[in-house]
């Protein structure tokens, strides 16, 4: 599996769309095999997602992610977990230890308290329902 963490120096970038670089980490089991730092420049969010998909990334862990692009990420085969902060090394250690939220779910969603299985896109449907009211 390959995962990506947008960086701002040694920290997880607060926003994927504005991160100057992204760390791509190849993982086997729960062990890091290889790291590659990619420069993103002024690429748009969809272009960034295409770049990551082309590199075989299936998990994007970031501080913030514009929900308007979740569909693009999903179509590219990339699950997004956002709300992660702190150092890149700490975030990677937590990911490898299984301490992050399930891929494709918002880590602060109240509906994950029971850790039970949820249908695909569960959190997004709850947010939409709340916004419609």
N, C-alpha and C. Protein backbone atom coordinates (compact mmCIF):
# COMPACT_ATOMS: atom_id res chain seq x y z
N UNK A 1 0.85 -1.18 0.00
CA UNK A 1 0.00 0.00 0.00
C UNK A 1 0.89 1.23 0.00
N UNK A 2 0.41 2.26 -0.66
CA UNK A 2 1.10 3.56 -0.62
C UNK A 2 0.15 4.59 -0.03
N UNK A 3 0.69 5.39 0.87
CA UNK A 3 -0.09 6.47 1.47
C UNK A 3 0.64 7.77 1.26
N UNK A 4 -0.10 8.86 1.35
CA UNK A 4 0.48 10.18 1.14
C UNK A 4 0.10 11.09 2.30
N UNK A 5 1.07 11.90 2.72
CA UNK A 5 0.85 12.91 3.77
C UNK A 5 1.36 14.24 3.23
N UNK A 6 0.48 15.21 2.99
CA UNK A 6 0.93 16.54 2.56
C UNK A 6 1.75 17.19 3.68
N UNK A 7 2.84 17.81 3.31
CA UNK A 7 3.74 18.35 4.33
C UNK A 7 3.89 19.86 4.24
N UNK A 8 4.22 20.43 5.38
CA UNK A 8 4.61 21.84 5.49
C UNK A 8 5.81 21.82 6.42
N UNK A 9 6.99 21.70 5.82
CA UNK A 9 8.19 21.47 6.63
C UNK A 9 8.13 20.06 7.21
N UNK A 10 8.25 19.96 8.53
CA UNK A 10 8.19 18.65 9.20
C UNK A 10 6.79 18.35 9.73
N UNK A 11 5.85 19.26 9.49
CA UNK A 11 4.48 19.11 9.99
C UNK A 11 3.53 18.63 8.89
N UNK A 12 2.41 18.03 9.33
CA UNK A 12 1.34 17.70 8.39
C UNK A 12 0.74 19.03 7.93
N UNK A 13 0.64 19.22 6.64
CA UNK A 13 0.11 20.48 6.12
C UNK A 13 -1.34 20.66 6.56
N UNK A 14 -1.72 21.87 6.97
CA UNK A 14 -3.10 22.08 7.39
C UNK A 14 -4.11 21.95 6.25
N UNK A 15 -3.67 22.10 4.99
CA UNK A 15 -4.58 21.98 3.83
C UNK A 15 -3.87 21.24 2.71
N UNK A 16 -4.50 20.21 2.19
CA UNK A 16 -3.95 19.44 1.07
C UNK A 16 -3.77 20.32 -0.16
N UNK A 17 -4.75 21.15 -0.46
CA UNK A 17 -4.73 21.95 -1.69
C UNK A 17 -3.60 22.97 -1.74
N UNK A 18 -3.02 23.31 -0.58
CA UNK A 18 -1.98 24.33 -0.54
C UNK A 18 -0.63 23.79 -0.09
N UNK A 19 -0.51 22.48 0.14
CA UNK A 19 0.74 21.90 0.60
C UNK A 19 1.81 22.01 -0.49
N UNK A 20 3.01 22.47 -0.13
CA UNK A 20 4.06 22.58 -1.14
C UNK A 20 4.62 21.22 -1.56
N UNK A 21 4.54 20.24 -0.66
CA UNK A 21 5.08 18.91 -0.93
C UNK A 21 4.18 17.85 -0.32
N UNK A 22 4.37 16.62 -0.79
CA UNK A 22 3.64 15.50 -0.21
C UNK A 22 4.62 14.35 -0.04
N UNK A 23 4.56 13.71 1.10
CA UNK A 23 5.39 12.55 1.38
C UNK A 23 4.61 11.30 0.98
N UNK A 24 5.16 10.51 0.07
CA UNK A 24 4.54 9.25 -0.34
C UNK A 24 5.32 8.15 0.36
N UNK A 25 4.60 7.32 1.10
CA UNK A 25 5.23 6.26 1.89
C UNK A 25 4.69 4.91 1.42
N UNK A 26 5.60 4.02 1.07
CA UNK A 26 5.22 2.66 0.72
C UNK A 26 5.25 1.82 1.99
N UNK A 27 4.17 1.10 2.22
CA UNK A 27 4.01 0.33 3.45
C UNK A 27 3.73 -1.13 3.10
N UNK A 28 4.39 -2.02 3.81
CA UNK A 28 4.10 -3.46 3.72
C UNK A 28 3.74 -3.92 5.12
N UNK A 29 2.53 -4.46 5.27
CA UNK A 29 2.05 -4.79 6.61
C UNK A 29 1.91 -3.50 7.40
N UNK A 30 2.59 -3.42 8.50
CA UNK A 30 2.60 -2.18 9.30
C UNK A 30 4.01 -1.60 9.36
N UNK A 31 4.77 -1.84 8.29
CA UNK A 31 6.16 -1.40 8.26
C UNK A 31 6.41 -0.50 7.06
N UNK A 32 7.08 0.61 7.32
CA UNK A 32 7.47 1.54 6.26
C UNK A 32 8.61 0.92 5.45
N UNK A 33 8.45 0.94 4.12
CA UNK A 33 9.46 0.37 3.24
C UNK A 33 10.26 1.46 2.54
N UNK A 34 9.57 2.52 2.08
CA UNK A 34 10.23 3.55 1.30
C UNK A 34 9.48 4.86 1.43
N UNK A 35 10.23 5.96 1.39
CA UNK A 35 9.67 7.32 1.39
C UNK A 35 10.12 8.07 0.15
N UNK A 36 9.19 8.85 -0.41
CA UNK A 36 9.52 9.73 -1.53
C UNK A 36 8.82 11.06 -1.29
N UNK A 37 9.57 12.15 -1.38
CA UNK A 37 9.00 13.48 -1.21
C UNK A 37 8.77 14.08 -2.59
N UNK A 38 7.51 14.41 -2.88
CA UNK A 38 7.15 15.00 -4.18
C UNK A 38 6.84 16.48 -4.01
N UNK A 39 7.35 17.30 -4.92
CA UNK A 39 7.03 18.72 -4.94
C UNK A 39 5.74 18.90 -5.75
N UNK A 40 4.78 19.62 -5.17
CA UNK A 40 3.47 19.80 -5.82
C UNK A 40 3.35 21.11 -6.58
N UNK A 41 4.13 22.09 -6.21
CA UNK A 41 4.08 23.38 -6.89
C UNK A 41 2.69 23.99 -6.82
N UNK A 42 2.22 24.54 -7.94
CA UNK A 42 0.91 25.20 -7.99
C UNK A 42 -0.17 24.31 -8.58
N UNK A 43 0.01 23.00 -8.54
CA UNK A 43 -0.97 22.07 -9.11
C UNK A 43 -2.33 22.23 -8.42
N UNK A 44 -3.39 22.09 -9.21
CA UNK A 44 -4.75 22.15 -8.65
C UNK A 44 -5.03 20.88 -7.86
N UNK A 45 -6.07 20.91 -7.05
CA UNK A 45 -6.42 19.74 -6.25
C UNK A 45 -6.67 18.51 -7.13
N UNK A 46 -7.47 18.60 -8.21
CA UNK A 46 -7.64 17.42 -9.07
C UNK A 46 -6.32 16.93 -9.67
N UNK A 47 -5.43 17.86 -10.06
CA UNK A 47 -4.13 17.45 -10.61
C UNK A 47 -3.28 16.76 -9.54
N UNK A 48 -3.35 17.24 -8.32
CA UNK A 48 -2.62 16.61 -7.21
C UNK A 48 -3.12 15.18 -7.00
N UNK A 49 -4.44 15.02 -7.04
CA UNK A 49 -5.02 13.69 -6.85
C UNK A 49 -4.60 12.75 -7.99
N UNK A 50 -4.58 13.25 -9.22
CA UNK A 50 -4.14 12.42 -10.36
C UNK A 50 -2.68 12.02 -10.20
N UNK A 51 -1.85 12.95 -9.75
CA UNK A 51 -0.44 12.66 -9.53
C UNK A 51 -0.28 11.54 -8.49
N UNK A 52 -1.02 11.65 -7.39
CA UNK A 52 -0.94 10.63 -6.35
C UNK A 52 -1.46 9.28 -6.85
N UNK A 53 -2.57 9.30 -7.56
CA UNK A 53 -3.11 8.06 -8.10
C UNK A 53 -2.11 7.42 -9.06
N UNK A 54 -1.44 8.23 -9.86
CA UNK A 54 -0.42 7.73 -10.78
C UNK A 54 0.76 7.10 -10.07
N UNK A 55 0.98 7.51 -8.84
CA UNK A 55 2.05 6.94 -8.01
C UNK A 55 1.58 5.75 -7.19
N UNK A 56 0.32 5.37 -7.37
CA UNK A 56 -0.21 4.20 -6.66
C UNK A 56 -0.68 4.47 -5.25
N UNK A 57 -0.93 5.73 -4.91
CA UNK A 57 -1.38 6.09 -3.57
C UNK A 57 -2.85 5.70 -3.41
N UNK A 58 -3.18 5.02 -2.30
CA UNK A 58 -4.56 4.64 -2.04
C UNK A 58 -5.12 5.27 -0.77
N UNK A 59 -4.26 5.94 0.02
CA UNK A 59 -4.69 6.58 1.26
C UNK A 59 -4.03 7.94 1.37
N UNK A 60 -4.83 8.98 1.56
CA UNK A 60 -4.34 10.34 1.76
C UNK A 60 -4.71 10.76 3.17
N UNK A 61 -3.71 11.09 3.97
CA UNK A 61 -3.93 11.51 5.36
C UNK A 61 -3.48 12.96 5.46
N UNK A 62 -4.40 13.86 5.83
CA UNK A 62 -4.06 15.28 5.79
C UNK A 62 -4.75 16.06 6.91
N UNK A 63 -4.34 17.33 7.01
CA UNK A 63 -4.96 18.20 8.00
C UNK A 63 -6.34 18.62 7.56
N UNK A 64 -6.44 19.17 6.36
CA UNK A 64 -7.73 19.61 5.83
C UNK A 64 -7.86 19.22 4.38
N UNK A 65 -9.10 18.96 3.98
CA UNK A 65 -9.37 18.55 2.60
C UNK A 65 -10.68 19.16 2.17
N UNK A 66 -10.68 19.81 1.01
CA UNK A 66 -11.90 20.44 0.49
C UNK A 66 -12.87 19.35 0.07
N UNK A 67 -14.00 19.27 0.74
CA UNK A 67 -14.97 18.19 0.49
C UNK A 67 -15.52 18.21 -0.93
N UNK A 68 -15.38 19.33 -1.64
CA UNK A 68 -15.83 19.39 -3.03
C UNK A 68 -15.03 18.43 -3.91
N UNK A 69 -13.85 18.00 -3.44
CA UNK A 69 -13.00 17.12 -4.22
C UNK A 69 -13.00 15.68 -3.72
N UNK A 70 -13.86 15.35 -2.76
CA UNK A 70 -13.92 13.97 -2.27
C UNK A 70 -14.32 13.00 -3.38
N UNK A 71 -15.22 13.40 -4.24
CA UNK A 71 -15.62 12.55 -5.36
C UNK A 71 -14.45 12.27 -6.30
N UNK A 72 -13.64 13.29 -6.55
CA UNK A 72 -12.46 13.11 -7.40
C UNK A 72 -11.49 12.11 -6.76
N UNK A 73 -11.31 12.25 -5.46
CA UNK A 73 -10.41 11.33 -4.74
C UNK A 73 -10.94 9.91 -4.82
N UNK A 74 -12.23 9.77 -4.59
CA UNK A 74 -12.87 8.45 -4.62
C UNK A 74 -12.72 7.81 -6.00
N UNK A 75 -12.98 8.57 -7.05
CA UNK A 75 -12.85 8.05 -8.41
C UNK A 75 -11.41 7.68 -8.74
N UNK A 76 -10.45 8.36 -8.11
CA UNK A 76 -9.03 8.06 -8.32
C UNK A 76 -8.57 6.87 -7.47
N UNK A 77 -9.48 6.35 -6.62
CA UNK A 77 -9.12 5.22 -5.77
C UNK A 77 -8.36 5.61 -4.53
N UNK A 78 -8.52 6.87 -4.12
CA UNK A 78 -7.81 7.38 -2.94
C UNK A 78 -8.81 7.63 -1.83
N UNK A 79 -8.61 6.97 -0.70
CA UNK A 79 -9.43 7.22 0.49
C UNK A 79 -8.78 8.37 1.25
N UNK A 80 -9.61 9.28 1.76
CA UNK A 80 -9.10 10.47 2.43
C UNK A 80 -9.48 10.45 3.91
N UNK A 81 -8.47 10.66 4.75
CA UNK A 81 -8.69 10.87 6.19
C UNK A 81 -8.14 12.25 6.49
N UNK A 82 -8.98 13.14 7.02
CA UNK A 82 -8.50 14.48 7.33
C UNK A 82 -8.74 14.80 8.80
N UNK A 83 -8.16 15.91 9.24
CA UNK A 83 -8.24 16.28 10.65
C UNK A 83 -6.99 15.87 11.41
N UNK A 84 -5.95 15.45 10.70
CA UNK A 84 -4.71 15.00 11.32
C UNK A 84 -3.77 16.20 11.42
N UNK A 85 -3.12 16.35 12.57
CA UNK A 85 -2.18 17.45 12.75
C UNK A 85 -0.95 16.94 13.49
N UNK A 86 0.06 17.82 13.57
CA UNK A 86 1.29 17.46 14.26
C UNK A 86 2.39 17.14 13.28
N UNK A 87 3.43 16.50 13.79
CA UNK A 87 4.57 16.19 12.93
C UNK A 87 4.23 15.04 11.98
N UNK A 88 4.88 15.06 10.83
CA UNK A 88 4.68 14.00 9.84
C UNK A 88 5.09 12.66 10.43
N UNK A 89 6.20 12.63 11.15
CA UNK A 89 6.67 11.38 11.74
C UNK A 89 5.68 10.82 12.76
N UNK A 90 5.10 11.70 13.59
CA UNK A 90 4.10 11.25 14.56
C UNK A 90 2.85 10.72 13.85
N UNK A 91 2.42 11.43 12.81
CA UNK A 91 1.23 11.00 12.06
C UNK A 91 1.48 9.64 11.41
N UNK A 92 2.64 9.47 10.82
CA UNK A 92 2.97 8.20 10.17
C UNK A 92 3.03 7.07 11.20
N UNK A 93 3.63 7.35 12.33
CA UNK A 93 3.69 6.33 13.40
C UNK A 93 2.28 5.92 13.83
N UNK A 94 1.37 6.90 13.98
CA UNK A 94 -0.01 6.59 14.35
C UNK A 94 -0.72 5.78 13.28
N UNK A 95 -0.49 6.13 12.01
CA UNK A 95 -1.11 5.39 10.91
C UNK A 95 -0.66 3.95 10.93
N UNK A 96 0.65 3.74 11.05
CA UNK A 96 1.20 2.38 11.04
C UNK A 96 0.73 1.57 12.25
N UNK A 97 0.44 2.27 13.35
CA UNK A 97 -0.05 1.60 14.56
C UNK A 97 -1.56 1.41 14.52
N UNK A 98 -2.23 1.91 13.47
CA UNK A 98 -3.67 1.76 13.35
C UNK A 98 -4.46 2.72 14.23
N UNK A 99 -3.86 3.85 14.59
CA UNK A 99 -4.52 4.80 15.49
C UNK A 99 -5.26 5.92 14.79
N UNK A 100 -5.40 5.88 13.47
CA UNK A 100 -6.17 6.90 12.76
C UNK A 100 -7.55 6.36 12.48
N UNK A 101 -8.43 7.24 12.05
CA UNK A 101 -9.79 6.83 11.70
C UNK A 101 -9.76 5.95 10.45
N UNK A 102 -10.84 5.23 10.23
CA UNK A 102 -10.94 4.38 9.05
C UNK A 102 -10.86 5.22 7.79
N UNK A 103 -10.16 4.73 6.75
CA UNK A 103 -10.07 5.50 5.51
C UNK A 103 -11.44 5.85 4.96
N UNK A 104 -11.58 7.08 4.49
CA UNK A 104 -12.82 7.53 3.89
C UNK A 104 -13.80 8.11 4.89
N UNK A 105 -13.41 8.19 6.15
CA UNK A 105 -14.29 8.72 7.19
C UNK A 105 -13.62 9.90 7.87
N UNK A 106 -14.42 10.86 8.24
CA UNK A 106 -13.90 12.01 8.97
C UNK A 106 -13.54 11.55 10.39
N UNK A 107 -12.30 11.81 10.84
CA UNK A 107 -11.86 11.30 12.13
C UNK A 107 -12.61 11.87 13.34
N UNK A 108 -13.30 12.98 13.18
CA UNK A 108 -14.01 13.56 14.31
C UNK A 108 -15.51 13.30 14.27
N UNK A 109 -15.94 12.41 13.41
CA UNK A 109 -17.37 12.13 13.27
C UNK A 109 -17.87 11.37 14.49
N UNK A 110 -18.93 11.85 15.09
CA UNK A 110 -19.50 11.22 16.28
C UNK A 110 -19.97 9.80 16.02
N UNK A 111 -20.28 9.48 14.79
CA UNK A 111 -20.88 8.18 14.49
C UNK A 111 -19.88 7.04 14.58
N UNK A 112 -18.60 7.32 14.82
CA UNK A 112 -17.62 6.24 14.89
C UNK A 112 -17.30 5.84 16.32
N UNK A 113 -18.01 6.38 17.28
CA UNK A 113 -17.73 6.07 18.67
C UNK A 113 -17.91 4.60 18.98
N UNK A 114 -18.86 3.93 18.34
CA UNK A 114 -19.10 2.52 18.65
C UNK A 114 -18.19 1.58 17.86
N UNK A 115 -17.37 2.12 16.92
CA UNK A 115 -16.43 1.34 16.12
C UNK A 115 -17.10 0.25 15.27
N UNK A 116 -18.41 0.29 15.14
CA UNK A 116 -19.11 -0.70 14.32
C UNK A 116 -18.93 -0.41 12.84
N UNK A 117 -19.23 -1.39 11.98
CA UNK A 117 -19.09 -1.17 10.54
C UNK A 117 -20.10 -0.15 10.04
N UNK A 118 -19.67 0.65 9.12
CA UNK A 118 -20.53 1.69 8.54
C UNK A 118 -20.58 1.50 7.03
N UNK A 119 -21.70 1.85 6.41
CA UNK A 119 -21.76 1.76 4.95
C UNK A 119 -20.83 2.79 4.31
N UNK A 120 -20.44 2.53 3.08
CA UNK A 120 -19.57 3.42 2.33
C UNK A 120 -20.16 4.83 2.30
N UNK A 121 -19.32 5.84 2.50
CA UNK A 121 -19.70 7.26 2.47
C UNK A 121 -20.67 7.65 3.58
N UNK A 122 -20.69 6.90 4.65
CA UNK A 122 -21.61 7.13 5.76
C UNK A 122 -21.54 8.56 6.30
N UNK A 123 -20.34 9.02 6.61
CA UNK A 123 -20.19 10.35 7.21
C UNK A 123 -20.65 11.46 6.27
N UNK A 124 -20.34 11.31 4.99
CA UNK A 124 -20.72 12.34 4.03
C UNK A 124 -22.24 12.44 3.94
N UNK A 125 -22.93 11.29 3.98
CA UNK A 125 -24.39 11.31 3.91
C UNK A 125 -24.97 12.00 5.15
N UNK A 126 -24.39 11.76 6.30
CA UNK A 126 -24.87 12.41 7.53
C UNK A 126 -24.67 13.92 7.44
N UNK A 127 -23.49 14.36 6.96
CA UNK A 127 -23.25 15.80 6.82
C UNK A 127 -24.23 16.44 5.86
N UNK A 128 -24.49 15.77 4.72
CA UNK A 128 -25.43 16.33 3.74
C UNK A 128 -26.80 16.45 4.35
N UNK A 129 -27.23 15.43 5.07
CA UNK A 129 -28.55 15.45 5.70
C UNK A 129 -28.65 16.61 6.68
N UNK A 130 -27.59 16.83 7.46
CA UNK A 130 -27.58 17.92 8.44
C UNK A 130 -27.61 19.28 7.74
N UNK A 131 -26.91 19.40 6.61
CA UNK A 131 -26.87 20.66 5.87
C UNK A 131 -28.23 20.96 5.22
N UNK A 132 -28.96 19.92 4.85
CA UNK A 132 -30.26 20.11 4.20
C UNK A 132 -31.33 20.58 5.18
N UNK A 133 -31.11 20.37 6.46
CA UNK A 133 -32.13 20.73 7.46
C UNK A 133 -32.03 22.18 7.87
